[in-house]
């Protein structure tokens, strides 16, 4: 009814797959958003001026943490594909 060799081979394959998935290095996800040089994505940058709206945490002179605005002044990441084919229609500027 049950073949012990097939069950052993199947269990070995499952164990090997689990070990490879558990202990192998994982790369960067392929669906990650396009990021700027500051590490923030396009959604955090103002489309008109290009400045970054994200706040980052840093230590001040007293050793306490404070929130300051990101120093990025222009989006330097890859150009979105929408900008290659069509210009934004709304809001009208005329």
Protein backbone atom coordinates (compact mmCIF):
# COMPACT_ATOMS: atom_id res chain seq x y z
CA UNK A 1 0.00 0.00 0.00
CA UNK A 2 2.66 2.56 1.00
CA UNK A 3 6.08 2.38 -0.53
CA UNK A 4 8.68 3.17 2.17
CA UNK A 5 11.32 4.19 -0.36
CA UNK A 6 9.04 6.79 -1.98
CA UNK A 7 8.03 8.14 1.43
CA UNK A 8 11.69 8.44 2.45
CA UNK A 9 12.65 10.19 -0.80
CA UNK A 10 9.69 12.58 -0.46
CA UNK A 11 10.58 13.39 3.14
CA UNK A 12 14.20 14.00 2.10
CA UNK A 13 13.09 16.38 -0.66
CA UNK A 14 10.83 18.30 1.74
CA UNK A 15 13.63 18.53 4.30
CA UNK A 16 16.15 19.69 1.70
CA UNK A 17 13.74 22.34 0.41
CA UNK A 18 13.10 23.58 3.93
CA UNK A 19 16.86 23.74 4.69
CA UNK A 20 17.64 25.64 1.48
CA UNK A 21 14.84 28.12 2.11
CA UNK A 22 15.76 28.58 5.75
CA UNK A 23 19.52 28.97 5.49
CA UNK A 24 20.08 30.50 2.06
CA UNK A 25 20.74 34.19 1.59
CA UNK A 26 17.81 36.16 0.37
CA UNK A 27 18.28 38.89 -2.22
CA UNK A 28 16.53 42.20 -2.54
CA UNK A 29 12.83 41.89 -3.38
CA UNK A 30 12.09 42.55 -7.04
CA UNK A 31 8.90 44.51 -6.35
CA UNK A 32 10.62 47.17 -4.22
CA UNK A 33 9.75 50.78 -5.08
CA UNK A 34 12.23 52.97 -6.90
CA UNK A 35 14.34 54.75 -4.31
CA UNK A 36 16.27 58.00 -4.35
CA UNK A 37 19.83 58.45 -3.17
CA UNK A 38 18.48 59.38 0.27
CA UNK A 39 16.80 55.96 0.57
CA UNK A 40 13.19 57.16 0.29
CA UNK A 41 10.88 56.34 -2.60
CA UNK A 42 9.30 58.65 -5.18
CA UNK A 43 6.06 59.02 -3.19
CA UNK A 44 7.91 60.92 -0.46
CA UNK A 45 9.19 63.60 -2.88
CA UNK A 46 7.20 66.64 -3.97
CA UNK A 47 6.55 66.36 -7.74
CA UNK A 48 6.86 70.13 -8.30
CA UNK A 49 9.91 71.03 -6.22
CA UNK A 50 11.41 67.58 -5.73
CA UNK A 51 12.20 68.02 -2.02
CA UNK A 52 11.78 65.05 0.31
CA UNK A 53 8.98 65.22 2.91
CA UNK A 54 10.23 62.38 5.09
CA UNK A 55 11.45 62.96 8.63
CA UNK A 56 14.42 60.99 9.93
CA UNK A 57 15.59 60.37 13.48
CA UNK A 58 19.07 61.46 14.57
CA UNK A 59 20.94 62.09 17.79
CA UNK A 60 21.43 65.68 18.90
CA UNK A 61 24.26 67.07 21.04
CA UNK A 62 22.66 65.93 24.30
CA UNK A 63 22.45 62.32 23.15
CA UNK A 64 18.66 62.47 22.73
CA UNK A 65 16.88 61.56 19.52
CA UNK A 66 15.13 64.22 17.49
CA UNK A 67 13.13 64.15 14.26
CA UNK A 68 14.49 66.31 11.46
CA UNK A 69 13.51 66.72 7.83
CA UNK A 70 15.41 64.70 5.22
CA UNK A 71 18.13 66.78 3.55
CA UNK A 72 17.36 65.54 0.03
CA UNK A 73 16.62 68.48 -2.30
CA UNK A 74 15.89 66.63 -5.54
CA UNK A 75 14.69 63.15 -6.51
CA UNK A 76 17.62 61.33 -8.11
CA UNK A 77 16.08 57.89 -8.57
CA UNK A 78 14.88 56.25 -11.78
CA UNK A 79 12.30 58.06 -13.88
CA UNK A 80 8.80 56.55 -13.62
CA UNK A 81 7.57 54.93 -16.82
CA UNK A 82 4.48 57.17 -16.86
CA UNK A 83 6.68 60.20 -17.53
CA UNK A 84 8.02 58.64 -20.73
CA UNK A 85 4.66 58.16 -22.45
CA UNK A 86 2.29 60.89 -21.33
CA UNK A 87 2.30 64.15 -19.45
CA UNK A 88 -0.08 64.61 -16.52
CA UNK A 89 -3.37 66.11 -17.69
CA UNK A 90 -4.78 67.32 -14.39
CA UNK A 91 -4.73 69.89 -12.84
CA UNK A 92 -4.89 72.30 -15.76
CA UNK A 93 -2.25 75.02 -15.65
CA UNK A 94 -3.73 77.30 -18.32
